[in-house]
Amino acid sequence: MIPQASAVGKLRGYNDVQLPLAFVRRDPYVLPRRSLTGDGNERVDTRLLQVIYAFENQRMWAFTGRQMDVFIESEPVGQTAQTRRGT
């Protein structure tokens, strides 16, 4: 995860509008995902790392709870931190 990586969001239902996002912070803890199907004997086998982004344009009509698809630029597959640093 690279904080300087560019990210864009698309509100569900408005795929033609891309909203630039700015990295804010990454939570320091990986937490188990708690809301799966609600079945009492279900095992939690998924863990989530929460990454917080903000809208670069402060005048957005999105509201809390609105679902978005977020796309974050990543390194090419197979490239590691060591190859990125040139060692």
PDB file of N, CA and C in Angstrom:
ATOM      1  N   MET A   1       0.844  -1.173   0.000  1.00  0.00           N
ATOM      2  CA  MET A   1       0.000   0.000   0.000  1.00  0.00           C
ATOM      3  C   MET A   1       0.888   1.234   0.000  1.00  0.00           C
ATOM      4  N   ILE A   2       0.719   2.072  -0.974  1.00  0.00           N
ATOM      5  CA  ILE A   2       1.521   3.283  -1.126  1.00  0.00           C
ATOM      6  C   ILE A   2       0.602   4.488  -0.925  1.00  0.00           C
ATOM      7  N   PRO A   3       0.808   5.294   0.137  1.00  0.00           N
ATOM      8  CA  PRO A   3      -0.081   6.434   0.385  1.00  0.00           C
ATOM      9  C   PRO A   3      -0.126   7.444  -0.759  1.00  0.00           C
ATOM     10  N   GLN A   4       0.943   7.550  -1.554  1.00  0.00           N
ATOM     11  CA  GLN A   4       0.963   8.521  -2.648  1.00  0.00           C
ATOM     12  C   GLN A   4       0.248   8.017  -3.903  1.00  0.00           C
ATOM     13  N   ALA A   5      -0.218   6.775  -3.885  1.00  0.00           N
ATOM     14  CA  ALA A   5      -0.883   6.210  -5.059  1.00  0.00           C
ATOM     15  C   ALA A   5      -2.178   6.960  -5.338  1.00  0.00           C
ATOM     16  N   SER A   6      -2.452   7.185  -6.601  1.00  0.00           N
ATOM     17  CA  SER A   6      -3.688   7.886  -6.952  1.00  0.00           C
ATOM     18  C   SER A   6      -4.882   6.952  -6.755  1.00  0.00           C
ATOM     19  N   ALA A   7      -6.012   7.543  -6.390  1.00  0.00           N
ATOM     20  CA  ALA A   7      -7.229   6.771  -6.166  1.00  0.00           C
ATOM     21  C   ALA A   7      -8.425   7.565  -6.681  1.00  0.00           C
ATOM     22  N   VAL A   8      -9.393   6.845  -7.225  1.00  0.00           N
ATOM     23  CA  VAL A   8     -10.646   7.460  -7.666  1.00  0.00           C
ATOM     24  C   VAL A   8     -11.798   6.618  -7.137  1.00  0.00           C
ATOM     25  N   GLY A   9     -12.915   7.274  -6.915  1.00  0.00           N
ATOM     26  CA  GLY A   9     -14.117   6.596  -6.464  1.00  0.00           C
ATOM     27  C   GLY A   9     -15.245   6.838  -7.442  1.00  0.00           C
ATOM     28  N   LYS A  10     -16.147   5.864  -7.504  1.00  0.00           N
ATOM     29  CA  LYS A  10     -17.346   5.993  -8.335  1.00  0.00           C
ATOM     30  C   LYS A  10     -18.539   5.638  -7.466  1.00  0.00           C
ATOM     31  N   LEU A  11     -19.487   6.566  -7.345  1.00  0.00           N
ATOM     32  CA  LEU A  11     -20.697   6.290  -6.583  1.00  0.00           C
ATOM     33  C   LEU A  11     -21.507   5.226  -7.304  1.00  0.00           C
ATOM     34  N   ARG A  12     -22.071   4.308  -6.558  1.00  0.00           N
ATOM     35  CA  ARG A  12     -22.900   3.270  -7.169  1.00  0.00           C
ATOM     36  C   ARG A  12     -24.064   3.921  -7.893  1.00  0.00           C
ATOM     37  N   GLY A  13     -24.245   3.539  -9.136  1.00  0.00           N
ATOM     38  CA  GLY A  13     -25.299   4.123  -9.958  1.00  0.00           C
ATOM     39  C   GLY A  13     -24.829   5.270 -10.831  1.00  0.00           C
ATOM     40  N   TYR A  14     -23.611   5.762 -10.584  1.00  0.00           N
ATOM     41  CA  TYR A  14     -23.051   6.872 -11.368  1.00  0.00           C
ATOM     42  C   TYR A  14     -21.651   6.492 -11.842  1.00  0.00           C
ATOM     43  N   ASN A  15     -21.532   5.415 -12.592  1.00  0.00           N
ATOM     44  CA  ASN A  15     -20.219   4.920 -13.010  1.00  0.00           C
ATOM     45  C   ASN A  15     -19.487   5.850 -13.962  1.00  0.00           C
ATOM     46  N   ASP A  16     -20.180   6.776 -14.574  1.00  0.00           N
ATOM     47  CA  ASP A  16     -19.526   7.675 -15.516  1.00  0.00           C
ATOM     48  C   ASP A  16     -18.837   8.851 -14.819  1.00  0.00           C
ATOM     49  N   VAL A  17     -19.045   9.023 -13.512  1.00  0.00           N
ATOM     50  CA  VAL A  17     -18.444  10.127 -12.767  1.00  0.00           C
ATOM     51  C   VAL A  17     -17.335   9.580 -11.869  1.00  0.00           C
ATOM     52  N   GLN A  18     -16.093  10.012 -12.118  1.00  0.00           N
ATOM     53  CA  GLN A  18     -14.960   9.600 -11.290  1.00  0.00           C
ATOM     54  C   GLN A  18     -14.616  10.732 -10.324  1.00  0.00           C
ATOM     55  N   LEU A  19     -14.502  10.384  -9.054  1.00  0.00           N
ATOM     56  CA  LEU A  19     -14.211  11.360  -8.014  1.00  0.00           C
ATOM     57  C   LEU A  19     -12.794  11.138  -7.499  1.00  0.00           C
ATOM     58  N   PRO A  20     -11.903  12.117  -7.623  1.00  0.00           N
ATOM     59  CA  PRO A  20     -10.545  11.943  -7.102  1.00  0.00           C
ATOM     60  C   PRO A  20     -10.560  11.867  -5.577  1.00  0.00           C
ATOM     61  N   LEU A  21      -9.759  10.949  -5.040  1.00  0.00           N
ATOM     62  CA  LEU A  21      -9.678  10.742  -3.598  1.00  0.00           C
ATOM     63  C   LEU A  21      -8.263  10.999  -3.106  1.00  0.00           C
ATOM     64  N   ALA A  22      -8.152  11.441  -1.866  1.00  0.00           N
ATOM     65  CA  ALA A  22      -6.847  11.705  -1.245  1.00  0.00           C
ATOM     66  C   ALA A  22      -6.688  10.793  -0.038  1.00  0.00           C
ATOM     67  N   PHE A  23      -5.532  10.158   0.091  1.00  0.00           N
ATOM     68  CA  PHE A  23      -5.237   9.274   1.212  1.00  0.00           C
ATOM     69  C   PHE A  23      -5.216  10.073   2.509  1.00  0.00           C
ATOM     70  N   VAL A  24      -5.877   9.569   3.545  1.00  0.00           N
ATOM     71  CA  VAL A  24      -5.898  10.215   4.852  1.00  0.00           C
ATOM     72  C   VAL A  24      -5.043   9.429   5.835  1.00  0.00           C
ATOM     73  N   ARG A  25      -5.414   8.158   6.060  1.00  0.00           N
ATOM     74  CA  ARG A  25      -4.648   7.323   6.988  1.00  0.00           C
ATOM     75  C   ARG A  25      -5.039   5.862   6.825  1.00  0.00           C
ATOM     76  N   ARG A  26      -4.229   5.022   7.417  1.00  0.00           N
ATOM     77  CA  ARG A  26      -4.492   3.582   7.468  1.00  0.00           C
ATOM     78  C   ARG A  26      -4.615   3.228   8.938  1.00  0.00           C
ATOM     79  N   ASP A  27      -5.689   2.528   9.307  1.00  0.00           N
ATOM     80  CA  ASP A  27      -5.837   2.112  10.701  1.00  0.00           C
ATOM     81  C   ASP A  27      -4.750   1.101  11.038  1.00  0.00           C
ATOM     82  N   PRO A  28      -4.195   1.165  12.238  1.00  0.00           N
ATOM     83  CA  PRO A  28      -3.058   0.302  12.574  1.00  0.00           C
ATOM     84  C   PRO A  28      -3.429  -1.146  12.857  1.00  0.00           C
ATOM     85  N   TYR A  29      -4.715  -1.486  12.916  1.00  0.00           N
ATOM     86  CA  TYR A  29      -5.113  -2.843  13.279  1.00  0.00           C
ATOM     87  C   TYR A  29      -5.873  -3.517  12.143  1.00  0.00           C
ATOM     88  N   VAL A  30      -5.653  -4.816  11.991  1.00  0.00           N
ATOM     89  CA  VAL A  30      -6.424  -5.636  11.067  1.00  0.00           C
ATOM     90  C   VAL A  30      -7.508  -6.303  11.901  1.00  0.00           C
ATOM     91  N   LEU A  31      -8.764  -6.114  11.515  1.00  0.00           N
ATOM     92  CA  LEU A  31      -9.894  -6.588  12.308  1.00  0.00           C
ATOM     93  C   LEU A  31     -10.644  -7.696  11.590  1.00  0.00           C
ATOM     94  N   PRO A  32     -11.232  -8.638  12.335  1.00  0.00           N
ATOM     95  CA  PRO A  32     -12.071  -9.646  11.685  1.00  0.00           C
ATOM     96  C   PRO A  32     -13.348  -9.010  11.158  1.00  0.00           C
ATOM     97  N   ARG A  33     -13.782  -9.479  10.017  1.00  0.00           N
ATOM     98  CA  ARG A  33     -15.038  -8.986   9.443  1.00  0.00           C
ATOM     99  C   ARG A  33     -16.174  -9.601  10.247  1.00  0.00           C
ATOM    100  N   ARG A  34     -17.072  -8.785  10.749  1.00  0.00           N
ATOM    101  CA  ARG A  34     -18.098  -9.262  11.668  1.00  0.00           C
ATOM    102  C   ARG A  34     -19.464  -9.473  11.024  1.00  0.00           C
ATOM    103  N   SER A  35     -19.767  -8.803   9.955  1.00  0.00           N
ATOM    104  CA  SER A  35     -21.107  -8.906   9.370  1.00  0.00           C
ATOM    105  C   SER A  35     -21.053  -9.722   8.083  1.00  0.00           C
ATOM    106  N   LEU A  36     -21.199 -11.028   8.215  1.00  0.00           N
ATOM    107  CA  LEU A  36     -21.226 -11.879   7.026  1.00  0.00           C
ATOM    108  C   LEU A  36     -22.684 -12.243   6.751  1.00  0.00           C
ATOM    109  N   THR A  37     -23.149 -13.433   7.143  1.00  0.00           N
ATOM    110  CA  THR A  37     -24.542 -13.789   6.887  1.00  0.00           C
ATOM    111  C   THR A  37     -25.382 -13.747   8.145  1.00  0.00           C
ATOM    112  N   GLY A  38     -24.757 -13.684   9.318  1.00  0.00           N
ATOM    113  CA  GLY A  38     -25.498 -13.648  10.563  1.00  0.00           C
ATOM    114  C   GLY A  38     -25.811 -15.021  11.121  1.00  0.00           C
ATOM    115  N   ASP A  39     -25.419 -16.083  10.428  1.00  0.00           N
ATOM    116  CA  ASP A  39     -25.645 -17.437  10.911  1.00  0.00           C
ATOM    117  C   ASP A  39     -24.818 -17.668  12.179  1.00  0.00           C
ATOM    118  N   GLY A  40     -25.418 -18.259  13.204  1.00  0.00           N
ATOM    119  CA  GLY A  40     -24.759 -18.438  14.489  1.00  0.00           C
ATOM    120  C   GLY A  40     -23.538 -19.325  14.474  1.00  0.00           C
ATOM    121  N   ASN A  41     -23.492 -20.303  13.591  1.00  0.00           N
ATOM    122  CA  ASN A  41     -22.337 -21.213  13.559  1.00  0.00           C
ATOM    123  C   ASN A  41     -21.346 -20.860  12.448  1.00  0.00           C
ATOM    124  N   GLU A  42     -21.454 -19.677  11.892  1.00  0.00           N
ATOM    125  CA  GLU A  42     -20.557 -19.251  10.817  1.00  0.00           C
ATOM    126  C   GLU A  42     -19.193 -18.862  11.389  1.00  0.00           C
ATOM    127  N   ARG A  43     -18.146 -19.278  10.723  1.00  0.00           N
ATOM    128  CA  ARG A  43     -16.795 -18.929  11.145  1.00  0.00           C
ATOM    129  C   ARG A  43     -16.340 -17.666  10.424  1.00  0.00           C
ATOM    130  N   VAL A  44     -15.679 -16.789  11.158  1.00  0.00           N
ATOM    131  CA  VAL A  44     -15.144 -15.570  10.571  1.00  0.00           C
ATOM    132  C   VAL A  44     -13.737 -15.871  10.089  1.00  0.00           C
ATOM    133  N   ASP A  45     -13.532 -15.863   8.784  1.00  0.00           N
ATOM    134  CA  ASP A  45     -12.216 -16.170   8.237  1.00  0.00           C
ATOM    135  C   ASP A  45     -11.689 -15.038   7.365  1.00  0.00           C
ATOM    136  N   THR A  46     -12.298 -13.889   7.471  1.00  0.00           N
ATOM    137  CA  THR A  46     -11.883 -12.728   6.687  1.00  0.00           C
ATOM    138  C   THR A  46     -11.421 -11.635   7.633  1.00  0.00           C
ATOM    139  N   ARG A  47     -10.294 -11.009   7.290  1.00  0.00           N
ATOM    140  CA  ARG A  47      -9.799  -9.894   8.088  1.00  0.00           C
ATOM    141  C   ARG A  47      -9.694  -8.676   7.183  1.00  0.00           C
ATOM    142  N   LEU A  48      -9.954  -7.512   7.748  1.00  0.00           N
ATOM    143  CA  LEU A  48      -9.985  -6.279   6.972  1.00  0.00           C
ATOM    144  C   LEU A  48      -8.961  -5.285   7.492  1.00  0.00           C
ATOM    145  N   LEU A  49      -8.296  -4.631   6.556  1.00  0.00           N
ATOM    146  CA  LEU A  49      -7.426  -3.506   6.866  1.00  0.00           C
ATOM    147  C   LEU A  49      -8.159  -2.267   6.386  1.00  0.00           C
ATOM    148  N   GLN A  50      -8.501  -1.382   7.305  1.00  0.00           N
ATOM    149  CA  GLN A  50      -9.260  -0.195   6.936  1.00  0.00           C
ATOM    150  C   GLN A  50      -8.316   0.910   6.478  1.00  0.00           C
ATOM    151  N   VAL A  51      -8.609   1.443   5.300  1.00  0.00           N
ATOM    152  CA  VAL A  51      -7.833   2.540   4.729  1.00  0.00           C
ATOM    153  C   VAL A  51      -8.812   3.685   4.497  1.00  0.00           C
ATOM    154  N   ILE A  52      -8.474   4.872   4.991  1.00  0.00           N
ATOM    155  CA  ILE A  52      -9.372   6.012   4.939  1.00  0.00           C
ATOM    156  C   ILE A  52      -8.927   6.972   3.835  1.00  0.00           C
ATOM    157  N   TYR A  53      -9.861   7.325   2.963  1.00  0.00           N
ATOM    158  CA  TYR A  53      -9.645   8.310   1.904  1.00  0.00           C
ATOM    159  C   TYR A  53     -10.676   9.420   2.059  1.00  0.00           C
ATOM    160  N   ALA A  54     -10.367  10.596   1.550  1.00  0.00           N
ATOM    161  CA  ALA A  54     -11.291  11.728   1.573  1.00  0.00           C
ATOM    162  C   ALA A  54     -11.480  12.235   0.152  1.00  0.00           C
ATOM    163  N   PHE A  55     -12.621  12.865  -0.083  1.00  0.00           N
ATOM    164  CA  PHE A  55     -12.855  13.495  -1.376  1.00  0.00           C
ATOM    165  C   PHE A  55     -11.912  14.675  -1.521  1.00  0.00           C
ATOM    166  N   GLU A  56     -11.249  14.783  -2.660  1.00  0.00           N
ATOM    167  CA  GLU A  56     -10.404  15.958  -2.895  1.00  0.00           C
ATOM    168  C   GLU A  56     -11.267  17.199  -3.092  1.00  0.00           C
ATOM    169  N   ASN A  57     -12.413  17.031  -3.716  1.00  0.00           N
ATOM    170  CA  ASN A  57     -13.369  18.127  -3.892  1.00  0.00           C
ATOM    171  C   ASN A  57     -14.315  18.111  -2.702  1.00  0.00           C
ATOM    172  N   GLN A  58     -14.248  19.117  -1.855  1.00  0.00           N
ATOM    173  CA  GLN A  58     -15.047  19.146  -0.630  1.00  0.00           C
ATOM    174  C   GLN A  58     -16.541  19.338  -0.886  1.00  0.00           C
ATOM    175  N   ARG A  59     -16.914  19.804  -2.049  1.00  0.00           N
ATOM    176  CA  ARG A  59     -18.328  20.055  -2.344  1.00  0.00           C
ATOM    177  C   ARG A  59     -18.919  18.846  -3.073  1.00  0.00           C
ATOM    178  N   MET A  60     -19.069  17.748  -2.345  1.00  0.00           N
ATOM    179  CA  MET A  60     -19.613  16.518  -2.918  1.00  0.00           C
ATOM    180  C   MET A  60     -21.008  16.278  -2.380  1.00  0.00           C
ATOM    181  N   TRP A  61     -21.832  15.640  -3.151  1.00  0.00           N
ATOM    182  CA  TRP A  61     -23.185  15.340  -2.731  1.00  0.00           C
ATOM    183  C   TRP A  61     -23.319  13.912  -2.225  1.00  0.00           C
ATOM    184  N   ALA A  62     -22.199  13.246  -1.979  1.00  0.00           N
ATOM    185  CA  ALA A  62     -22.242  11.919  -1.375  1.00  0.00           C
ATOM    186  C   ALA A  62     -22.520  12.077   0.120  1.00  0.00           C
ATOM    187  N   PHE A  63     -23.103  11.070   0.717  1.00  0.00           N
ATOM    188  CA  PHE A  63     -23.427  11.141   2.129  1.00  0.00           C
ATOM    189  C   PHE A  63     -22.939   9.880   2.835  1.00  0.00           C
ATOM    190  N   THR A  64     -22.867   9.925   4.144  1.00  0.00           N
ATOM    191  CA  THR A  64     -22.406   8.797   4.939  1.00  0.00           C
ATOM    192  C   THR A  64     -23.294   7.589   4.690  1.00  0.00           C
ATOM    193  N   GLY A  65     -22.661   6.460   4.440  1.00  0.00           N
ATOM    194  CA  GLY A  65     -23.389   5.231   4.174  1.00  0.00           C
ATOM    195  C   GLY A  65     -23.589   4.940   2.702  1.00  0.00           C
ATOM    196  N   ARG A  66     -23.305   5.895   1.845  1.00  0.00           N
ATOM    197  CA  ARG A  66     -23.442   5.696   0.397  1.00  0.00           C
ATOM    198  C   ARG A  66     -22.346   4.757  -0.087  1.00  0.00           C
ATOM    199  N   GLN A  67     -22.689   3.763  -0.882  1.00  0.00           N
ATOM    200  CA  GLN A  67     -21.705   2.809  -1.358  1.00  0.00           C
ATOM    201  C   GLN A  67     -20.960   3.358  -2.565  1.00  0.00           C
ATOM    202  N   MET A  68     -19.657   3.095  -2.583  1.00  0.00           N
ATOM    203  CA  MET A  68     -18.789   3.526  -3.676  1.00  0.00           C
ATOM    204  C   MET A  68     -17.906   2.373  -4.102  1.00  0.00           C
ATOM    205  N   ASP A  69     -17.497   2.401  -5.333  1.00  0.00           N
ATOM    206  CA  ASP A  69     -16.433   1.530  -5.809  1.00  0.00           C
ATOM    207  C   ASP A  69     -15.176   2.386  -5.842  1.00  0.00           C
ATOM    208  N   VAL A  70     -14.105   1.915  -5.219  1.00  0.00           N
ATOM    209  CA  VAL A  70     -12.862   2.674  -5.122  1.00  0.00           C
ATOM    210  C   VAL A  70     -11.765   1.922  -5.847  1.00  0.00           C
ATOM    211  N   PHE A  71     -11.013   2.638  -6.652  1.00  0.00           N
ATOM    212  CA  PHE A  71      -9.918   2.062  -7.420  1.00  0.00           C
ATOM    213  C   PHE A  71      -8.631   2.765  -7.020  1.00  0.00           C
ATOM    214  N   ILE A  72      -7.669   1.982  -6.514  1.00  0.00           N
ATOM    215  CA  ILE A  72      -6.397   2.522  -6.044  1.00  0.00           C
ATOM    216  C   ILE A  72      -5.291   1.997  -6.944  1.00  0.00           C
ATOM    217  N   GLU A  73      -4.451   2.914  -7.417  1.00  0.00           N
ATOM    218  CA  GLU A  73      -3.329   2.535  -8.269  1.00  0.00           C
ATOM    219  C   GLU A  73      -2.414   1.587  -7.499  1.00  0.00           C
ATOM    220  N   SER A  74      -1.943   0.538  -8.164  1.00  0.00           N
ATOM    221  CA  SER A  74      -1.064  -0.421  -7.499  1.00  0.00           C
ATOM    222  C   SER A  74       0.163  -0.695  -8.348  1.00  0.00           C
ATOM    223  N   GLU A  75       1.102  -1.406  -7.752  1.00  0.00           N
ATOM    224  CA  GLU A  75       2.312  -1.791  -8.468  1.00  0.00           C
ATOM    225  C   GLU A  75       1.990  -2.932  -9.420  1.00  0.00           C
ATOM    226  N   PRO A  76       2.771  -3.095 -10.462  1.00  0.00           N
ATOM    227  CA  PRO A  76       2.577  -4.246 -11.345  1.00  0.00           C
ATOM    228  C   PRO A  76       2.751  -5.551 -10.568  1.00  0.00           C
ATOM    229  N   VAL A  77       2.034  -6.580 -10.967  1.00  0.00           N
ATOM    230  CA  VAL A  77       2.121  -7.877 -10.309  1.00  0.00           C
ATOM    231  C   VAL A  77       3.556  -8.390 -10.369  1.00  0.00           C
ATOM    232  N   GLY A  78       4.059  -8.855  -9.242  1.00  0.00           N
ATOM    233  CA  GLY A  78       5.408  -9.393  -9.182  1.00  0.00           C
ATOM    234  C   GLY A  78       6.457  -8.393  -8.747  1.00  0.00           C
ATOM    235  N   GLN A  79       6.144  -7.108  -8.739  1.00  0.00           N
ATOM    236  CA  GLN A  79       7.111  -6.112  -8.300  1.00  0.00           C
ATOM    237  C   GLN A  79       7.050  -6.011  -6.786  1.00  0.00           C
ATOM    238  N   THR A  80       8.188  -6.083  -6.120  1.00  0.00           N
ATOM    239  CA  THR A  80       8.241  -6.032  -4.661  1.00  0.00           C
ATOM    240  C   THR A  80       8.872  -4.729  -4.223  1.00  0.00           C
ATOM    241  N   ALA A  81       8.855  -4.512  -2.924  1.00  0.00           N
ATOM    242  CA  ALA A  81       9.466  -3.309  -2.374  1.00  0.00           C
ATOM    243  C   ALA A  81      10.958  -3.269  -2.674  1.00  0.00           C
ATOM    244  N   GLN A  82      11.614  -4.431  -2.677  1.00  0.00           N
ATOM    245  CA  GLN A  82      13.057  -4.460  -2.948  1.00  0.00           C
ATOM    246  C   GLN A  82      13.348  -4.066  -4.382  1.00  0.00           C
ATOM    247  N   THR A  83      12.574  -4.545  -5.353  1.00  0.00           N
ATOM    248  CA  THR A  83      12.825  -4.182  -6.748  1.00  0.00           C
ATOM    249  C   THR A  83      12.480  -2.725  -6.989  1.00  0.00           C
ATOM    250  N   ARG A  84      11.499  -2.219  -6.250  1.00  0.00           N
ATOM    251  CA  ARG A  84      11.129  -0.815  -6.393  1.00  0.00           C
ATOM    252  C   ARG A  84      12.261   0.102  -5.937  1.00  0.00           C
ATOM    253  N   ARG A  85      12.997  -0.313  -4.884  1.00  0.00           N
ATOM    254  CA  ARG A  85      14.094   0.491  -4.373  1.00  0.00           C
ATOM    255  C   ARG A  85      15.381   0.285  -5.185  1.00  0.00           C
ATOM    256  N   GLY A  86      15.390  -0.709  -6.032  1.00  0.00           N
ATOM    257  CA  GLY A  86      16.557  -0.945  -6.872  1.00  0.00           C
ATOM    258  C   GLY A  86      17.648  -1.770  -6.210  1.00  0.00           C
ATOM    259  N   THR A  87      17.284  -2.563  -5.181  1.00  0.00           N
ATOM    260  CA  THR A  87      18.284  -3.402  -4.515  1.00  0.00           C
ATOM    261  C   THR A  87      18.217  -4.817  -5.006  1.00  0.00           C
TER     262      THR A  87
END
